């Protein structure tokens, strides 16, 4: 895969190094998955040591003394490079710049701190006790500030943008502020109209449980097989917080089950399947190189939300899924008809839990987290005051107040896990999902009819060509422009909500 067939070229040497780096990172990904699914609690300290060591080894490869010269030489000699190799070199420079900003001891300290904080979060959440999490979370915040300051200096970016750039290369808070401002201008009024409309129509019939976990698991597996998940290259397991991990050839997705509400697990599985399909569809020729990675978390979240919200909450999908739901749980009757299930799956109601939120209120959850994390990192909000600020924000944005911290500021794993600057990508992903699904429908006129038959091949084929197979060859906006005709915006999302929730 070297640029000019010369095994001694600077670019070829960089490819060799990044191939080795990829193997280390993939091993770490599986260890992280195991930590959240199967690892016994007593192994947490040993696992933290393993991950810290791998992260330091990976960091040492990236910041080796000869790396600046190799990058400079490869950039000087890039005339023979092809399009993918040129993009790969650009991504190598970006990865190196982020890594070179941090000393090895900070990389190790952050890994150990987040590992300890994640384990503390599990207990704190279980007991609704934010104070129990505070000491380890304060350490994570302290180290995150050091990381942000170092990266801001290296990248020449404002502090928060330097953290955001790790999850969404090129992402900027000024643009987030503008897009969130547009959403805030129409979402509250739209939410009120939707709630009033659904109230006038009356509540849908409840589905009668309980729903055995094993039946839920089998239904979830059947649904994602239909969508295109490859169990020869992936698994479905259980974790405290649903996520997608592993590698592009060994994708691990998780969910959590509730015997009183099978929709939580099923929609979680479909959501994570969207992430997994993106990973499974990345360009195989570049799997071990930066250009073969997912572009960023905006497109990654767009794939999960496209699958869960756009495709699998459509009436077309429910027409396909309803008889399989009845069979899975041995149920029948009016409540189990497709029309009623679709009303349940598109019910809009402010709730406490982000991952269970409907697509109208979901952006408000993200706006709250975005505001709070910027205030904490900027020193404008003391971490000890987070529960109160969270509850105030929920009251202001959604009109409800969590009764305890498990349903409030302890519900997400992201901050304990060190993912500061990540949350905005969820709502940006929802905007991208609406654009992409609208473009797919325009390109494949019979798309919904195929979904109603359980045939996701047309949708998956379109995504493979226009998103998955692009890897990181271009930035998010360029990929969106080529696929949808325009950069990221709010228009398609607004049109989707109005069509689904306010049309006849």
Protein backbone atom coordinates (compact mmCIF):
# COMPACT_ATOMS: atom_id res chain seq x y z
CA UNK A 1 0.00 0.00 0.00
CA UNK A 2 3.04 2.27 0.00
CA UNK A 3 2.82 5.45 -2.05
CA UNK A 4 5.30 4.82 -4.82
CA UNK A 5 6.27 1.18 -4.44
CA UNK A 6 9.39 2.11 -2.50
CA UNK A 7 9.53 0.27 0.79
CA UNK A 8 12.05 2.80 2.08
CA UNK A 9 9.98 5.92 1.50
CA UNK A 10 8.98 8.07 4.46
CA UNK A 11 5.31 7.51 3.72
CA UNK A 12 5.76 3.72 3.60
CA UNK A 13 7.51 3.85 6.97
CA UNK A 14 4.63 5.84 8.41
CA UNK A 15 2.17 3.25 7.13
CA UNK A 16 4.16 0.52 8.89
CA UNK A 17 4.11 2.44 12.16
CA UNK A 18 0.42 3.24 11.99
CA UNK A 19 -0.34 -0.40 11.17
CA UNK A 20 1.39 -1.40 14.41
CA UNK A 21 -0.38 1.37 16.29
CA UNK A 22 -3.72 0.13 14.96
CA UNK A 23 -3.10 -3.35 16.39
CA UNK A 24 -2.43 -1.89 19.84
CA UNK A 25 -5.54 0.27 19.70
CA UNK A 26 -7.68 -2.66 18.55
CA UNK A 27 -6.46 -4.77 21.46
CA UNK A 28 -7.34 -1.92 23.82
CA UNK A 29 -10.80 -1.69 22.30
CA UNK A 30 -11.53 -5.33 23.14
CA UNK A 31 -10.20 -4.88 26.68
CA UNK A 32 -12.45 -1.85 27.11
CA UNK A 33 -15.46 -3.82 25.86
CA UNK A 34 -14.68 -6.65 28.29
CA UNK A 35 -14.34 -4.17 31.16
CA UNK A 36 -17.92 -3.00 30.58
CA UNK A 37 -19.52 -6.40 29.95
CA UNK A 38 -17.82 -9.46 31.44
CA UNK A 39 -14.88 -8.39 33.61
CA UNK A 40 -15.32 -9.15 37.33
CA UNK A 41 -15.23 -6.06 39.53
CA UNK A 42 -12.16 -7.33 41.33
CA UNK A 43 -10.11 -7.09 38.14
CA UNK A 44 -10.63 -3.34 37.69
CA UNK A 45 -7.23 -2.31 39.01
CA UNK A 46 -5.41 -4.86 36.87
CA UNK A 47 -7.43 -3.83 33.79
CA UNK A 48 -6.62 -0.18 34.41
CA UNK A 49 -2.92 -1.11 34.46
CA UNK A 50 -3.26 -3.06 31.18
CA UNK A 51 -5.04 -0.22 29.41
CA UNK A 52 -2.70 2.43 30.76
CA UNK A 53 0.29 0.42 29.53
CA UNK A 54 -1.20 -0.07 26.07
CA UNK A 55 -2.06 3.62 25.82
CA UNK A 56 1.46 4.63 26.80
CA UNK A 57 2.97 2.19 24.25
CA UNK A 58 0.68 3.60 21.56
CA UNK A 59 1.60 7.12 22.60
CA UNK A 60 5.32 6.31 22.45
CA UNK A 61 4.93 5.05 18.88
CA UNK A 62 3.20 8.26 17.87
CA UNK A 63 5.61 10.67 19.54
CA UNK A 64 8.84 8.85 18.70
CA UNK A 65 11.63 11.43 18.06
CA UNK A 66 11.82 10.63 14.34
CA UNK A 67 8.09 11.13 13.68
CA UNK A 68 8.23 14.87 12.88
CA UNK A 69 10.95 14.31 10.30
CA UNK A 70 9.09 11.35 8.77
CA UNK A 71 5.89 13.38 8.46
CA UNK A 72 7.74 16.34 6.98
CA UNK A 73 9.59 14.17 4.44
CA UNK A 74 6.41 12.35 3.42
CA UNK A 75 4.63 15.68 2.93
CA UNK A 76 7.52 16.98 0.81
CA UNK A 77 7.53 13.79 -1.30
CA UNK A 78 3.77 13.45 -1.69
CA UNK A 79 3.63 14.01 -5.45
CA UNK A 80 3.46 10.23 -6.14
CA UNK A 81 0.69 9.70 -3.57
CA UNK A 82 -2.78 8.69 -4.66
CA UNK A 83 -5.98 10.28 -3.35
CA UNK A 84 -6.39 7.85 -0.46
CA UNK A 85 -2.73 8.03 0.49
CA UNK A 86 -2.78 11.82 0.49
CA UNK A 87 -5.81 11.77 2.77
CA UNK A 88 -4.11 9.15 4.94
CA UNK A 89 -1.06 11.37 5.35
CA UNK A 90 -3.30 14.26 6.37
CA UNK A 91 -4.98 12.05 8.98
CA UNK A 92 -1.60 10.85 10.24
CA UNK A 93 -0.57 14.45 10.83
CA UNK A 94 -3.82 15.13 12.70
CA UNK A 95 -3.42 12.05 14.94
CA UNK A 96 0.22 12.90 15.62
CA UNK A 97 -0.57 16.52 16.52
CA UNK A 98 -3.11 15.42 19.12
CA UNK A 99 -0.76 12.82 20.59
CA UNK A 100 2.34 14.99 20.54
CA UNK A 101 0.54 17.61 22.61
CA UNK A 102 0.42 15.25 25.60
CA UNK A 103 3.30 13.92 27.72
CA UNK A 104 3.25 10.18 28.40
CA UNK A 105 2.63 10.63 32.11
CA UNK A 106 -0.57 12.59 31.38
CA UNK A 107 -1.77 9.85 28.99
CA UNK A 108 -1.20 7.24 31.68
CA UNK A 109 -2.76 9.32 34.44
CA UNK A 110 -5.88 10.02 32.39
CA UNK A 111 -6.32 6.32 31.53
CA UNK A 112 -6.01 5.27 35.16
CA UNK A 113 -8.29 8.04 36.39
CA UNK A 114 -11.07 7.30 33.90
CA UNK A 115 -10.87 3.56 34.60
CA UNK A 116 -11.25 4.20 38.33
CA UNK A 117 -14.01 6.72 37.75
CA UNK A 118 -16.01 4.40 35.52
CA UNK A 119 -16.03 1.72 38.21
CA UNK A 120 -17.01 4.30 40.84
CA UNK A 121 -19.77 5.55 38.54
CA UNK A 122 -21.37 2.11 38.39
CA UNK A 123 -21.78 2.03 42.16
CA UNK A 124 -22.77 5.68 42.44
CA UNK A 125 -25.44 5.27 39.78
CA UNK A 126 -26.75 2.11 41.39
CA UNK A 127 -27.09 3.95 44.71
CA UNK A 128 -28.13 7.36 43.31
CA UNK A 129 -25.19 8.85 45.19
CA UNK A 130 -23.38 11.59 43.28
CA UNK A 131 -21.20 12.45 46.30
CA UNK A 132 -19.63 9.00 46.09
CA UNK A 133 -18.49 9.76 42.54
CA UNK A 134 -17.22 13.25 43.26
CA UNK A 135 -13.59 12.45 44.27
CA UNK A 136 -12.79 10.35 41.20
CA UNK A 137 -14.75 12.62 38.85
CA UNK A 138 -12.87 15.66 40.16
CA UNK A 139 -9.62 13.92 39.22
CA UNK A 140 -10.94 13.23 35.72
CA UNK A 141 -11.96 16.87 35.31
CA UNK A 142 -8.57 18.09 36.53
CA UNK A 143 -6.77 15.88 34.02
CA UNK A 144 -9.22 16.80 31.24
CA UNK A 145 -8.38 20.46 31.79
CA UNK A 146 -4.68 19.65 31.45
CA UNK A 147 -5.36 17.70 28.25
CA UNK A 148 -7.49 20.51 26.83
CA UNK A 149 -4.91 23.17 27.61
CA UNK A 150 -2.10 21.15 26.05
CA UNK A 151 -4.10 20.41 22.91
CA UNK A 152 -5.30 24.00 22.62
CA UNK A 153 -1.68 25.15 22.53
CA UNK A 154 -0.68 22.49 19.99
CA UNK A 155 -3.67 23.01 17.69
CA UNK A 156 -4.02 26.75 18.05
CA UNK A 157 -7.65 26.33 19.08
CA UNK A 158 -9.84 27.54 21.94
CA UNK A 159 -9.84 25.17 24.91
CA UNK A 160 -13.21 23.47 24.31
CA UNK A 161 -12.66 23.22 20.55
CA UNK A 162 -9.40 21.36 21.19
CA UNK A 163 -11.33 18.69 23.12
CA UNK A 164 -14.14 18.61 20.55
CA UNK A 165 -11.60 18.13 17.75
CA UNK A 166 -10.65 14.76 19.22
CA UNK A 167 -14.18 13.46 18.55
CA UNK A 168 -15.13 15.54 15.52
CA UNK A 169 -12.06 16.71 13.57
CA UNK A 170 -12.70 20.25 12.43
CA UNK A 171 -15.70 20.64 14.74
CA UNK A 172 -16.03 24.08 16.33
CA UNK A 173 -18.17 25.34 19.18
CA UNK A 174 -19.09 28.48 17.23
CA UNK A 175 -20.87 26.32 14.67
CA UNK A 176 -22.51 24.22 17.36
CA UNK A 177 -23.79 27.38 19.00
CA UNK A 178 -25.29 28.53 15.69
CA UNK A 179 -26.97 25.18 14.95
CA UNK A 180 -28.23 24.79 18.51
CA UNK A 181 -29.57 28.33 18.31
CA UNK A 182 -31.58 27.38 15.21
CA UNK A 183 -32.94 24.30 16.98
CA UNK A 184 -33.88 26.24 20.08
CA UNK A 185 -35.75 28.74 17.87
CA UNK A 186 -38.26 26.13 16.70
CA UNK A 187 -38.09 23.06 18.98
CA UNK A 188 -40.02 24.33 22.04
CA UNK A 189 -43.00 25.47 19.94
CA UNK A 190 -42.89 22.31 17.83
CA UNK A 191 -42.74 20.16 20.97
CA UNK A 192 -45.80 21.89 22.38
CA UNK A 193 -47.75 21.39 19.15
CA UNK A 194 -46.82 17.72 18.99
CA UNK A 195 -47.76 17.06 22.63
CA UNK A 196 -51.10 18.83 22.20
CA UNK A 197 -51.81 16.92 19.00
CA UNK A 198 -51.02 13.55 20.56
CA UNK A 199 -53.03 14.40 23.67
CA UNK A 200 -56.06 15.19 21.52
CA UNK A 201 -55.66 11.86 19.71
CA UNK A 202 -55.64 9.95 22.99
CA UNK A 203 -53.02 7.62 24.38
CA UNK A 204 -52.07 4.47 22.47
CA UNK A 205 -52.81 1.11 24.05
CA UNK A 206 -50.11 -0.24 26.33
CA UNK A 207 -48.37 -3.48 25.44
CA UNK A 208 -48.95 -6.11 28.09
CA UNK A 209 -45.82 -7.51 29.68
CA UNK A 210 -43.77 -8.86 31.22
CA UNK A 211 -41.31 -9.53 28.43
CA UNK A 212 -38.77 -12.26 29.21
CA UNK A 213 -35.18 -11.21 28.62
CA UNK A 214 -34.39 -14.24 26.48
CA UNK A 215 -37.31 -13.46 24.16
CA UNK A 216 -36.11 -9.85 23.93
CA UNK A 217 -32.60 -11.02 23.07
CA UNK A 218 -33.83 -13.30 20.32
CA UNK A 219 -36.05 -10.58 18.86
CA UNK A 220 -33.18 -8.06 18.91
CA UNK A 221 -30.85 -10.50 17.19
CA UNK A 222 -33.46 -11.28 14.53
CA UNK A 223 -34.05 -7.59 13.83
CA UNK A 224 -30.39 -6.68 13.42
CA UNK A 225 -29.77 -9.75 11.26
CA UNK A 226 -32.49 -8.45 8.97
CA UNK A 227 -30.87 -5.03 8.91
CA UNK A 228 -27.50 -6.48 7.96
CA UNK A 229 -25.47 -7.09 11.13
CA UNK A 230 -22.91 -9.83 10.57
CA UNK A 231 -22.62 -12.12 13.60
CA UNK A 232 -19.49 -13.65 12.10
CA UNK A 233 -17.88 -10.27 12.78
CA UNK A 234 -19.71 -9.10 15.87
CA UNK A 235 -21.56 -9.85 19.12
CA UNK A 236 -24.54 -8.60 21.12
CA UNK A 237 -24.09 -8.45 24.90
CA UNK A 238 -25.34 -6.64 28.01
CA UNK A 239 -23.81 -3.61 29.75
CA UNK A 240 -24.82 -0.93 32.23
CA UNK A 241 -24.84 1.64 29.43
CA UNK A 242 -25.45 0.58 25.80
CA UNK A 243 -22.46 1.13 23.53
CA UNK A 244 -20.61 -0.09 20.45
CA UNK A 245 -16.98 -1.14 20.79
CA UNK A 246 -14.47 -3.60 19.48
CA UNK A 247 -12.94 -3.23 16.03
CA UNK A 248 -14.05 -2.87 12.42
CA UNK A 249 -13.81 -6.63 11.96
CA UNK A 250 -15.01 -7.61 15.44
CA UNK A 251 -17.77 -5.20 16.41
CA UNK A 252 -19.22 -5.52 19.90
CA UNK A 253 -22.63 -4.00 20.62
CA UNK A 254 -24.47 -4.00 23.93
CA UNK A 255 -27.89 -3.20 25.32
CA UNK A 256 -29.70 -3.45 28.66
CA UNK A 257 -33.02 -5.21 29.25
CA UNK A 258 -36.16 -4.24 31.12
CA UNK A 259 -38.79 -6.97 31.47
CA UNK A 260 -41.52 -4.31 31.69
CA UNK A 261 -40.55 -2.45 28.49
CA UNK A 262 -38.95 -4.37 25.63
CA UNK A 263 -38.80 -1.25 23.42
CA UNK A 264 -35.91 0.18 25.47
CA UNK A 265 -33.66 -2.76 24.68
CA UNK A 266 -34.87 -3.24 21.11
CA UNK A 267 -34.40 0.39 20.12
CA UNK A 268 -31.06 0.38 21.89
CA UNK A 269 -29.97 -2.64 19.87
CA UNK A 270 -31.14 -1.02 16.62
CA UNK A 271 -29.33 2.19 17.55
CA UNK A 272 -26.06 0.41 18.31
CA UNK A 273 -26.49 -1.68 15.16
CA UNK A 274 -26.31 1.56 13.16
CA UNK A 275 -22.90 2.25 14.71
CA UNK A 276 -21.82 -1.33 14.04
CA UNK A 277 -22.85 -1.25 10.39
CA UNK A 278 -20.75 1.87 9.91
CA UNK A 279 -17.72 0.11 11.37
CA UNK A 280 -18.35 -3.02 9.33
CA UNK A 281 -18.66 -0.94 6.15
CA UNK A 282 -15.46 1.06 6.48
CA UNK A 283 -13.02 0.69 3.53
CA UNK A 284 -11.32 -2.67 4.05
CA UNK A 285 -8.19 -1.74 2.09
CA UNK A 286 -7.46 0.94 4.71
CA UNK A 287 -8.55 -0.82 7.90
CA UNK A 288 -5.16 -0.47 9.57
CA UNK A 289 -4.64 3.20 8.65
CA UNK A 290 -6.14 6.46 9.96
CA UNK A 291 -7.95 7.18 6.67
CA UNK A 292 -9.81 3.91 7.09
CA UNK A 293 -11.33 5.01 10.39
CA UNK A 294 -14.77 6.55 10.79
CA UNK A 295 -14.70 10.25 9.88
CA UNK A 296 -15.81 11.43 13.31
CA UNK A 297 -18.56 11.13 15.85
CA UNK A 298 -21.05 13.33 13.97
CA UNK A 299 -21.23 10.81 11.13
CA UNK A 300 -21.00 7.92 13.59
CA UNK A 301 -23.97 9.19 15.56
CA UNK A 302 -25.79 9.91 12.30
CA UNK A 303 -25.62 6.22 11.46
CA UNK A 304 -27.06 5.04 14.76
CA UNK A 305 -29.80 7.68 14.76
CA UNK A 306 -30.58 7.11 11.09
CA UNK A 307 -31.14 3.43 11.79
CA UNK A 308 -33.05 3.82 15.07
CA UNK A 309 -35.02 7.04 14.53
CA UNK A 310 -35.33 7.52 10.79
CA UNK A 311 -35.68 3.91 9.61
CA UNK A 312 -36.82 1.78 12.55
CA UNK A 313 -39.42 4.14 13.98
CA UNK A 314 -40.98 4.53 10.54
CA UNK A 315 -44.39 2.99 9.91
CA UNK A 316 -42.77 0.90 7.18
CA UNK A 317 -40.44 -0.81 9.67
CA UNK A 318 -43.18 -1.31 12.25
CA UNK A 319 -45.30 -3.03 9.59
CA UNK A 320 -42.42 -5.49 9.19
CA UNK A 321 -41.59 -5.81 12.90
CA UNK A 322 -45.07 -6.00 14.48
CA UNK A 323 -45.87 -9.63 13.55
CA UNK A 324 -42.41 -10.66 14.73
CA UNK A 325 -42.98 -8.88 18.04
CA UNK A 326 -46.29 -10.71 18.49
CA UNK A 327 -44.61 -14.02 17.77
CA UNK A 328 -41.65 -13.32 20.06
CA UNK A 329 -43.85 -12.64 23.09
CA UNK A 330 -46.89 -14.77 22.20
CA UNK A 331 -49.23 -11.78 22.18
CA UNK A 332 -52.16 -10.64 20.07
CA UNK A 333 -54.96 -8.10 20.11
CA UNK A 334 -55.47 -4.43 19.19
CA UNK A 335 -52.49 -3.20 21.22
CA UNK A 336 -50.19 -5.40 19.13
CA UNK A 337 -51.33 -4.11 15.75
CA UNK A 338 -48.77 -2.14 13.73
CA UNK A 339 -50.70 1.12 13.92
CA UNK A 340 -50.80 1.11 17.71
CA UNK A 341 -47.15 0.03 18.04
CA UNK A 342 -46.13 2.83 15.71
CA UNK A 343 -48.01 5.32 17.87
CA UNK A 344 -46.15 3.98 20.92
CA UNK A 345 -42.79 4.19 19.16
CA UNK A 346 -43.41 7.78 18.06
CA UNK A 347 -44.88 8.97 21.35
CA UNK A 348 -43.40 12.32 22.38
CA UNK A 349 -43.12 13.02 26.08
CA UNK A 350 -40.38 14.76 28.09
CA UNK A 351 -38.51 12.17 30.13
CA UNK A 352 -35.52 11.97 32.43
CA UNK A 353 -33.33 9.53 30.46
CA UNK A 354 -31.48 10.70 27.36
CA UNK A 355 -31.06 7.31 25.71
CA UNK A 356 -34.80 6.68 26.00
CA UNK A 357 -35.79 10.14 24.77
CA UNK A 358 -37.94 10.67 21.71
CA UNK A 359 -36.36 12.49 18.80
CA UNK A 360 -38.21 15.77 19.48
CA UNK A 361 -36.95 16.18 23.04
CA UNK A 362 -33.56 14.48 22.55
CA UNK A 363 -31.73 17.64 21.38
CA UNK A 364 -32.79 19.41 24.57
CA UNK A 365 -31.01 16.73 26.62
CA UNK A 366 -27.85 17.36 24.61
CA UNK A 367 -28.08 21.14 24.88
CA UNK A 368 -28.14 20.76 28.66
CA UNK A 369 -25.05 18.53 28.75
CA UNK A 370 -23.20 20.82 26.32
CA UNK A 371 -23.93 23.84 28.48
CA UNK A 372 -22.96 22.09 31.72
CA UNK A 373 -19.72 20.55 30.51
CA UNK A 374 -18.51 23.88 29.14
CA UNK A 375 -19.36 25.54 32.46
CA UNK A 376 -17.54 22.85 34.47
CA UNK A 377 -14.43 22.86 32.31
CA UNK A 378 -14.40 26.65 32.22
CA UNK A 379 -14.57 26.88 36.01
CA UNK A 380 -17.99 28.56 36.00
CA UNK A 381 -19.71 25.61 37.67
CA UNK A 382 -18.26 23.71 40.63
CA UNK A 383 -18.51 19.97 40.12
CA UNK A 384 -20.20 19.59 43.51
CA UNK A 385 -23.00 21.82 42.22
CA UNK A 386 -23.66 19.68 39.13
CA UNK A 387 -26.76 17.86 40.48
CA UNK A 388 -28.54 21.12 41.26
CA UNK A 389 -27.56 22.73 37.96
CA UNK A 390 -28.68 19.60 36.12
CA UNK A 391 -32.08 19.62 37.79
CA UNK A 392 -32.52 23.34 37.09
CA UNK A 393 -31.66 22.78 33.45
CA UNK A 394 -34.11 19.89 33.12
CA UNK A 395 -36.84 22.09 34.59
CA UNK A 396 -36.02 24.94 32.21
CA UNK A 397 -35.69 22.87 29.02
CA UNK A 398 -38.10 19.98 29.57
CA UNK A 399 -40.34 21.05 32.42
CA UNK A 400 -39.45 18.08 34.64
CA UNK A 401 -37.07 17.51 37.58
CA UNK A 402 -35.35 14.15 38.19
CA UNK A 403 -36.29 12.63 41.57
CA UNK A 404 -32.73 11.38 42.13
CA UNK A 405 -29.24 11.58 40.62
CA UNK A 406 -29.46 8.19 38.91
CA UNK A 407 -32.21 9.63 36.76
CA UNK A 408 -30.29 12.90 36.58
CA UNK A 409 -26.60 13.70 36.36
CA UNK A 410 -25.44 10.10 36.96
CA UNK A 411 -27.27 8.55 34.01
CA UNK A 412 -24.46 8.87 31.42
CA UNK A 413 -21.08 7.15 31.45
CA UNK A 414 -19.37 9.74 29.25
CA UNK A 415 -17.95 12.20 31.78
CA UNK A 416 -16.64 9.48 34.16
CA UNK A 417 -15.13 7.80 31.10
CA UNK A 418 -13.30 11.00 30.12
CA UNK A 419 -15.41 11.90 27.06
CA UNK A 420 -15.62 15.68 27.48
CA UNK A 421 -16.51 17.45 24.23
CA UNK A 422 -18.41 14.42 22.93
CA UNK A 423 -22.04 15.21 23.72
CA UNK A 424 -22.75 17.79 20.97
CA UNK A 425 -22.04 15.16 18.32
CA UNK A 426 -25.26 13.34 19.25
CA UNK A 427 -27.51 16.15 18.09
CA UNK A 428 -25.28 17.07 15.18
CA UNK A 429 -25.57 13.40 14.24
CA UNK A 430 -29.37 13.64 14.37
CA UNK A 431 -29.23 16.55 11.92
CA UNK A 432 -26.95 14.58 9.61
CA UNK A 433 -29.17 11.49 9.90
CA UNK A 434 -32.19 13.45 8.69
CA UNK A 435 -30.25 14.81 5.72
CA UNK A 436 -28.87 11.42 4.78
CA UNK A 437 -32.14 9.53 5.08
CA UNK A 438 -33.95 12.16 2.99
CA UNK A 439 -31.23 11.86 0.35
CA UNK A 440 -31.42 8.05 0.42
CA UNK A 441 -35.19 8.16 -0.07
CA UNK A 442 -34.78 10.55 -3.00
CA UNK A 443 -32.13 8.32 -4.55
CA UNK A 444 -33.99 5.05 -3.91
CA UNK A 445 -37.70 5.81 -4.46
CA UNK A 446 -38.93 2.41 -3.21
CA UNK A 447 -36.81 2.55 -0.05
CA UNK A 448 -39.68 2.51 2.46
CA UNK A 449 -41.44 -0.29 0.59
CA UNK A 450 -38.26 -2.36 0.87
CA UNK A 451 -37.99 -1.64 4.61
CA UNK A 452 -41.62 -2.72 5.04
CA UNK A 453 -40.58 -6.12 3.62
CA UNK A 454 -37.60 -6.29 5.96
CA UNK A 455 -35.24 -5.65 3.06
CA UNK A 456 -32.58 -3.21 4.20
CA UNK A 457 -30.21 -3.95 1.34
CA UNK A 458 -31.14 -0.80 -0.66
CA UNK A 459 -30.62 1.46 2.36
CA UNK A 460 -27.44 -0.27 3.47
CA UNK A 461 -26.07 -0.22 -0.07
CA UNK A 462 -26.68 3.53 -0.34
CA UNK A 463 -24.98 4.11 3.02
CA UNK A 464 -22.03 1.90 2.09
CA UNK A 465 -21.44 3.99 -1.03
CA UNK A 466 -22.11 7.44 0.36
CA UNK A 467 -20.93 7.24 3.99
CA UNK A 468 -19.37 4.01 5.23
CA UNK A 469 -16.99 3.41 2.35
CA UNK A 470 -15.67 6.97 2.52
CA UNK A 471 -13.82 6.37 5.79
CA UNK A 472 -11.93 9.57 6.56
CA UNK A 473 -11.06 10.48 2.99
CA UNK A 474 -12.82 13.84 3.46
CA UNK A 475 -14.25 15.97 6.24
CA UNK A 476 -17.82 15.63 7.47
CA UNK A 477 -19.24 18.50 5.46
CA UNK A 478 -17.69 17.32 2.21
CA UNK A 479 -19.09 13.82 2.71
CA UNK A 480 -22.50 15.32 3.48
CA UNK A 481 -22.39 17.67 0.48
CA UNK A 482 -21.50 14.81 -1.86
CA UNK A 483 -24.25 12.61 -0.39
CA UNK A 484 -27.02 15.15 0.21
CA UNK A 485 -26.11 18.28 -1.75
CA UNK A 486 -25.53 20.51 1.27
CA UNK A 487 -23.43 20.84 4.43
CA UNK A 488 -24.77 20.08 7.88
CA UNK A 489 -27.88 22.09 8.74
CA UNK A 490 -31.20 21.97 10.60
CA UNK A 491 -33.66 22.14 7.68
CA UNK A 492 -33.96 18.40 6.98
CA UNK A 493 -34.35 17.61 10.68
CA UNK A 494 -37.13 20.18 11.07
CA UNK A 495 -38.89 18.91 7.95
CA UNK A 496 -38.65 15.32 9.23
CA UNK A 497 -40.17 16.18 12.62
CA UNK A 498 -43.00 18.15 11.04
CA UNK A 499 -43.73 15.36 8.59
CA UNK A 500 -43.73 12.56 11.15
CA UNK A 501 -45.43 14.29 14.05
CA UNK A 502 -47.61 17.05 12.62
CA UNK A 503 -48.86 15.74 9.28
CA UNK A 504 -52.06 13.74 8.89
